[in-house]
Amino acid sequence: MADLRESFPGLEDVTSKEGKALGARVEGETPVAVNGAIGFSFKDSAGNVVLPQLNANGELAVSEGAGVSVSARGTAAGSGTLVTVATLTLTVDAIYDDIEFVCSSFRDSRFQLVFNDNASESILADSLVGPGCMTANICLNNVNVVAGSTGTQELLVKALNNNALSDFYATVSCKEIV
C-alpha cells in the first residue's frame, strides 16, 4: 500500500473555514464553476483559460488595440492675436485618444490645443515656447475626446506671439477609435 501525499490547503472555504487545495487546470479549459486560483493564466476572447505566450525576448506581446492614427500639420504667420495654426478634422461620434501636439516658434509664443465641438471650444492644453525651448511636444495620455454628432468637430492648435512676431509651426495627432 502506497502512502498518499497530503495536499497543502492553499485556500480557505469561507463557509466551513476548512482548507482547500488548489485545483489543476488544463490550457483551453473553461473556468466556469471553477473555484480557486488559476496560476499564470489568462482568458481568451471565448473566455477559455490560456497560458501567457512570451515572444522571443521573453516578453508578453501587447498590441495597442483598435484605432487609426490621424494627424494634421500647419503653419501660420506670426501674430499678436490668437490664430489657428493646425486643424485636424474629426469624424462625428468617434472617440479620440493618445492626443499630442508639437509646436514651435523662434519667439516667445503661447500655443493652445483646442477641441471644437460644433463651435463650442474647449482648451485641452497650453504650451509656452521661448528662448532655449523653441519647440514643445505635449502628450495628453489621460485625455480623450468624443466628437459630437452634429456640426464641425476639430482639434485645433492655436497660437499667439507674446512680444515679437515670428511664424508658428504645429502638428496635432491622435488615435481615432470608431
C-alpha atoms as a PDB file:
ATOM      1  CA  MET A   1       0.000   0.000   0.000  1.00  0.00           C
ATOM      2  CA  ALA A   2       1.412   3.393  -1.035  1.00  0.00           C
ATOM      3  CA  ASP A   3       1.349   6.418   1.206  1.00  0.00           C
ATOM      4  CA  LEU A   4      -0.701   9.238  -0.303  1.00  0.00           C
ATOM      5  CA  ARG A   5       0.785  12.698  -0.033  1.00  0.00           C
ATOM      6  CA  GLU A   6      -1.434  15.171   1.816  1.00  0.00           C
ATOM      7  CA  SER A   7      -2.297  18.261  -0.207  1.00  0.00           C
ATOM      8  CA  PHE A   8      -1.353  21.626   1.210  1.00  0.00           C
ATOM      9  CA  PRO A   9      -4.523  23.677   1.772  1.00  0.00           C
ATOM     10  CA  GLY A  10      -3.756  26.901  -0.097  1.00  0.00           C
ATOM     11  CA  LEU A  11      -7.313  28.214   0.040  1.00  0.00           C
ATOM     12  CA  GLU A  12      -9.887  28.576   2.755  1.00  0.00           C
ATOM     13  CA  ASP A  13     -13.539  27.673   2.254  1.00  0.00           C
ATOM     14  CA  VAL A  14     -15.378  30.724   3.609  1.00  0.00           C
ATOM     15  CA  THR A  15     -18.403  28.684   4.692  1.00  0.00           C
ATOM     16  CA  SER A  16     -16.699  25.830   6.542  1.00  0.00           C
ATOM     17  CA  LYS A  17     -13.357  27.562   7.289  1.00  0.00           C
ATOM     18  CA  GLU A  18     -11.516  24.393   6.280  1.00  0.00           C
ATOM     19  CA  GLY A  19      -8.511  24.371   3.977  1.00  0.00           C
ATOM     20  CA  LYS A  20      -8.929  23.522   0.310  1.00  0.00           C
ATOM     21  CA  ALA A  21      -6.254  22.579  -2.197  1.00  0.00           C
ATOM     22  CA  LEU A  22      -5.783  24.498  -5.430  1.00  0.00           C
ATOM     23  CA  GLY A  23      -7.241  22.731  -8.442  1.00  0.00           C
ATOM     24  CA  ALA A  24      -5.184  21.947 -11.528  1.00  0.00           C
ATOM     25  CA  ARG A  25      -6.383  23.328 -14.861  1.00  0.00           C
ATOM     26  CA  VAL A  26      -5.529  22.392 -18.426  1.00  0.00           C
ATOM     27  CA  GLU A  27      -4.924  25.023 -21.098  1.00  0.00           C
ATOM     28  CA  GLY A  28      -8.098  25.645 -23.084  1.00  0.00           C
ATOM     29  CA  GLU A  29     -10.384  24.563 -20.221  1.00  0.00           C
ATOM     30  CA  THR A  30     -13.320  26.843 -19.442  1.00  0.00           C
ATOM     31  CA  PRO A  31     -13.172  28.358 -15.927  1.00  0.00           C
ATOM     32  CA  VAL A  32     -16.968  28.245 -15.415  1.00  0.00           C
ATOM     33  CA  ALA A  33     -17.826  26.914 -11.942  1.00  0.00           C
ATOM     34  CA  VAL A  34     -14.129  26.569 -11.127  1.00  0.00           C
ATOM     35  CA  ASN A  35     -13.206  27.860  -7.695  1.00  0.00           C
ATOM     36  CA  GLY A  36      -9.743  28.830  -6.651  1.00  0.00           C
ATOM     37  CA  ALA A  37      -6.711  30.373  -8.231  1.00  0.00           C
ATOM     38  CA  ILE A  38      -5.508  29.631 -11.733  1.00  0.00           C
ATOM     39  CA  GLY A  39      -1.779  30.287 -11.720  1.00  0.00           C
ATOM     40  CA  PHE A  40      -0.206  32.206 -14.591  1.00  0.00           C
ATOM     41  CA  SER A  41      -3.256  32.119 -16.839  1.00  0.00           C
ATOM     42  CA  PHE A  42      -5.429  34.435 -18.847  1.00  0.00           C
ATOM     43  CA  LYS A  43      -8.762  34.148 -20.634  1.00  0.00           C
ATOM     44  CA  ASP A  44      -9.005  34.246 -24.408  1.00  0.00           C
ATOM     45  CA  SER A  45     -11.795  36.029 -26.315  1.00  0.00           C
ATOM     46  CA  ALA A  46     -14.039  32.957 -25.854  1.00  0.00           C
ATOM     47  CA  GLY A  47     -13.479  33.001 -22.074  1.00  0.00           C
ATOM     48  CA  ASN A  48     -11.305  29.887 -22.000  1.00  0.00           C
ATOM     49  CA  VAL A  49      -8.192  29.592 -19.851  1.00  0.00           C
ATOM     50  CA  VAL A  50      -4.934  30.115 -21.753  1.00  0.00           C
ATOM     51  CA  LEU A  51      -1.351  30.320 -20.587  1.00  0.00           C
ATOM     52  CA  PRO A  52       0.564  33.501 -21.363  1.00  0.00           C
ATOM     53  CA  GLN A  53       2.700  33.252 -24.505  1.00  0.00           C
ATOM     54  CA  LEU A  54       6.045  35.039 -24.454  1.00  0.00           C
ATOM     55  CA  ASN A  55       7.820  36.379 -27.529  1.00  0.00           C
ATOM     56  CA  ALA A  56      11.449  35.559 -28.433  1.00  0.00           C
ATOM     57  CA  ASN A  57      12.663  38.234 -25.967  1.00  0.00           C
ATOM     58  CA  GLY A  58      10.753  36.650 -23.083  1.00  0.00           C
ATOM     59  CA  GLU A  59       8.165  39.464 -23.053  1.00  0.00           C
ATOM     60  CA  LEU A  60       4.374  39.399 -23.118  1.00  0.00           C
ATOM     61  CA  ALA A  61       3.157  40.500 -26.541  1.00  0.00           C
ATOM     62  CA  VAL A  62       0.921  43.543 -26.183  1.00  0.00           C
ATOM     63  CA  SER A  63      -0.961  45.185 -29.010  1.00  0.00           C
ATOM     64  CA  GLU A  64      -2.089  48.795 -28.966  1.00  0.00           C
ATOM     65  CA  GLY A  65      -5.647  47.823 -29.769  1.00  0.00           C
ATOM     66  CA  ALA A  66      -8.049  49.194 -32.293  1.00  0.00           C
ATOM     67  CA  GLY A  67      -7.709  52.626 -33.772  1.00  0.00           C
ATOM     68  CA  VAL A  68      -6.288  54.569 -36.647  1.00  0.00           C
ATOM     69  CA  SER A  69      -3.627  57.244 -36.223  1.00  0.00           C
ATOM     70  CA  VAL A  70      -4.599  60.600 -37.697  1.00  0.00           C
ATOM     71  CA  SER A  71      -2.688  63.870 -37.819  1.00  0.00           C
ATOM     72  CA  ALA A  72      -2.576  67.331 -39.315  1.00  0.00           C
ATOM     73  CA  ARG A  73       0.253  69.821 -39.738  1.00  0.00           C
ATOM     74  CA  GLY A  74       0.092  73.543 -40.289  1.00  0.00           C
ATOM     75  CA  THR A  75       1.950  76.833 -40.297  1.00  0.00           C
ATOM     76  CA  ALA A  76       0.786  80.395 -39.759  1.00  0.00           C
ATOM     77  CA  ALA A  77       2.344  83.837 -39.884  1.00  0.00           C
ATOM     78  CA  GLY A  78       3.301  85.334 -36.542  1.00  0.00           C
ATOM     79  CA  SER A  79       0.510  87.232 -34.802  1.00  0.00           C
ATOM     80  CA  GLY A  80      -0.140  89.197 -31.651  1.00  0.00           C
ATOM     81  CA  THR A  81      -3.659  87.749 -31.540  1.00  0.00           C
ATOM     82  CA  LEU A  82      -4.701  84.101 -31.372  1.00  0.00           C
ATOM     83  CA  VAL A  83      -4.607  82.394 -34.804  1.00  0.00           C
ATOM     84  CA  THR A  84      -5.214  78.787 -35.880  1.00  0.00           C
ATOM     85  CA  VAL A  85      -2.004  77.020 -36.893  1.00  0.00           C
ATOM     86  CA  ALA A  86      -3.154  73.406 -37.490  1.00  0.00           C
ATOM     87  CA  THR A  87      -6.616  71.868 -37.894  1.00  0.00           C
ATOM     88  CA  LEU A  88      -7.437  68.170 -37.557  1.00  0.00           C
ATOM     89  CA  THR A  89     -10.986  67.412 -38.709  1.00  0.00           C
ATOM     90  CA  LEU A  90     -12.627  64.689 -36.615  1.00  0.00           C
ATOM     91  CA  THR A  91     -15.230  62.067 -37.527  1.00  0.00           C
ATOM     92  CA  VAL A  92     -18.587  62.566 -35.813  1.00  0.00           C
ATOM     93  CA  ASP A  93     -19.318  60.216 -32.891  1.00  0.00           C
ATOM     94  CA  ALA A  94     -15.749  58.848 -32.861  1.00  0.00           C
ATOM     95  CA  ILE A  95     -13.523  58.669 -29.780  1.00  0.00           C
ATOM     96  CA  TYR A  96     -10.014  60.127 -29.916  1.00  0.00           C
ATOM     97  CA  ASP A  97      -7.207  59.029 -27.630  1.00  0.00           C
ATOM     98  CA  ASP A  98      -3.398  59.388 -27.392  1.00  0.00           C
ATOM     99  CA  ILE A  99      -3.690  63.071 -28.273  1.00  0.00           C
ATOM    100  CA  GLU A 100      -0.467  65.025 -28.715  1.00  0.00           C
ATOM    101  CA  PHE A 101       0.794  68.161 -30.377  1.00  0.00           C
ATOM    102  CA  VAL A 102       4.160  69.567 -31.342  1.00  0.00           C
ATOM    103  CA  CYS A 103       4.505  73.331 -31.610  1.00  0.00           C
ATOM    104  CA  SER A 104       7.348  75.722 -32.336  1.00  0.00           C
ATOM    105  CA  SER A 105       8.263  79.340 -32.986  1.00  0.00           C
ATOM    106  CA  PHE A 106      11.523  81.321 -32.882  1.00  0.00           C
ATOM    107  CA  ARG A 107       9.986  83.903 -30.492  1.00  0.00           C
ATOM    108  CA  ASP A 108       8.124  83.791 -27.166  1.00  0.00           C
ATOM    109  CA  SER A 109       4.754  82.261 -28.015  1.00  0.00           C
ATOM    110  CA  ARG A 110       1.730  80.673 -26.377  1.00  0.00           C
ATOM    111  CA  PHE A 111       0.099  77.641 -28.021  1.00  0.00           C
ATOM    112  CA  GLN A 112      -3.250  76.067 -27.179  1.00  0.00           C
ATOM    113  CA  LEU A 113      -4.726  72.704 -28.116  1.00  0.00           C
ATOM    114  CA  VAL A 114      -8.446  73.306 -28.571  1.00  0.00           C
ATOM    115  CA  PHE A 115     -11.356  70.899 -29.100  1.00  0.00           C
ATOM    116  CA  ASN A 116     -14.004  72.489 -31.337  1.00  0.00           C
ATOM    117  CA  ASP A 117     -17.369  70.754 -30.837  1.00  0.00           C
ATOM    118  CA  ASN A 118     -19.862  72.468 -33.158  1.00  0.00           C
ATOM    119  CA  ALA A 119     -18.441  75.974 -32.460  1.00  0.00           C
ATOM    120  CA  SER A 120     -18.118  75.292 -28.713  1.00  0.00           C
ATOM    121  CA  GLU A 121     -14.380  75.409 -27.988  1.00  0.00           C
ATOM    122  CA  SER A 122     -12.629  73.806 -25.011  1.00  0.00           C
ATOM    123  CA  ILE A 123      -8.931  74.318 -24.295  1.00  0.00           C
ATOM    124  CA  LEU A 124      -7.337  70.909 -23.645  1.00  0.00           C
ATOM    125  CA  ALA A 125      -3.759  72.095 -23.057  1.00  0.00           C
ATOM    126  CA  ASP A 126      -1.437  75.115 -23.213  1.00  0.00           C
ATOM    127  CA  SER A 127       2.238  75.355 -24.060  1.00  0.00           C
ATOM    128  CA  LEU A 128       4.755  78.187 -23.935  1.00  0.00           C
ATOM    129  CA  VAL A 129       7.882  78.335 -26.084  1.00  0.00           C
ATOM    130  CA  GLY A 130      10.724  80.820 -25.893  1.00  0.00           C
ATOM    131  CA  PRO A 131      14.498  81.197 -25.613  1.00  0.00           C
ATOM    132  CA  GLY A 132      16.160  77.838 -25.039  1.00  0.00           C
ATOM    133  CA  CYS A 133      12.959  75.960 -25.847  1.00  0.00           C
ATOM    134  CA  MET A 134      11.620  76.860 -29.270  1.00  0.00           C
ATOM    135  CA  THR A 135       9.766  73.546 -29.693  1.00  0.00           C
ATOM    136  CA  ALA A 136       7.449  71.733 -27.296  1.00  0.00           C
ATOM    137  CA  ASN A 137       5.953  68.242 -27.599  1.00  0.00           C
ATOM    138  CA  ILE A 138       2.856  67.803 -25.450  1.00  0.00           C
ATOM    139  CA  CYS A 139       1.359  64.315 -24.885  1.00  0.00           C
ATOM    140  CA  LEU A 140      -2.085  64.083 -23.284  1.00  0.00           C
ATOM    141  CA  ASN A 141      -2.044  60.443 -22.147  1.00  0.00           C
ATOM    142  CA  ASN A 142      -5.078  60.659 -19.855  1.00  0.00           C
ATOM    143  CA  VAL A 143      -7.288  62.839 -22.045  1.00  0.00           C
ATOM    144  CA  ASN A 144      -9.692  61.613 -24.661  1.00  0.00           C
ATOM    145  CA  VAL A 145     -12.239  63.430 -26.804  1.00  0.00           C
ATOM    146  CA  VAL A 146     -15.615  62.205 -28.014  1.00  0.00           C
ATOM    147  CA  ALA A 147     -16.606  64.004 -31.199  1.00  0.00           C
ATOM    148  CA  GLY A 148     -20.189  65.225 -31.195  1.00  0.00           C
ATOM    149  CA  SER A 149     -22.931  64.032 -33.524  1.00  0.00           C
ATOM    150  CA  THR A 150     -23.531  67.335 -35.306  1.00  0.00           C
ATOM    151  CA  GLY A 151     -21.608  70.284 -36.635  1.00  0.00           C
ATOM    152  CA  THR A 152     -17.897  70.819 -37.048  1.00  0.00           C
ATOM    153  CA  GLN A 153     -15.672  68.540 -34.962  1.00  0.00           C
ATOM    154  CA  GLU A 154     -11.981  69.515 -34.851  1.00  0.00           C
ATOM    155  CA  LEU A 155      -8.792  69.553 -32.851  1.00  0.00           C
ATOM    156  CA  LEU A 156      -7.091  72.916 -33.356  1.00  0.00           C
ATOM    157  CA  VAL A 157      -3.673  74.218 -32.454  1.00  0.00           C
ATOM    158  CA  LYS A 158      -3.861  77.972 -31.901  1.00  0.00           C
ATOM    159  CA  ALA A 159      -1.023  80.375 -31.116  1.00  0.00           C
ATOM    160  CA  LEU A 160      -0.004  83.962 -30.468  1.00  0.00           C
ATOM    161  CA  ASN A 161       3.355  85.704 -30.143  1.00  0.00           C
ATOM    162  CA  ASN A 162       3.974  87.411 -26.810  1.00  0.00           C
ATOM    163  CA  ASN A 163       6.459  90.172 -27.727  1.00  0.00           C
ATOM    164  CA  ALA A 164       7.705  89.996 -31.337  1.00  0.00           C
ATOM    165  CA  LEU A 165       6.200  88.329 -34.388  1.00  0.00           C
ATOM    166  CA  SER A 166       7.563  85.025 -35.684  1.00  0.00           C
ATOM    167  CA  ASP A 167       5.928  82.231 -37.702  1.00  0.00           C
ATOM    168  CA  PHE A 168       4.205  79.304 -35.987  1.00  0.00           C
ATOM    169  CA  TYR A 169       4.579  75.589 -36.795  1.00  0.00           C
ATOM    170  CA  ALA A 170       2.390  72.829 -35.326  1.00  0.00           C
ATOM    171  CA  THR A 171       1.347  69.213 -35.730  1.00  0.00           C
ATOM    172  CA  VAL A 172      -1.561  67.596 -33.903  1.00  0.00           C
ATOM    173  CA  SER A 173      -2.053  63.812 -33.838  1.00  0.00           C
ATOM    174  CA  CYS A 174      -4.215  61.231 -32.107  1.00  0.00           C
ATOM    175  CA  LYS A 175      -5.745  57.778 -32.423  1.00  0.00           C
ATOM    176  CA  GLU A 176      -9.279  57.580 -33.816  1.00  0.00           C
ATOM    177  CA  ILE A 177     -11.396  54.812 -32.296  1.00  0.00           C
ATOM    178  CA  VAL A 178     -14.699  54.487 -34.137  1.00  0.00           C
END
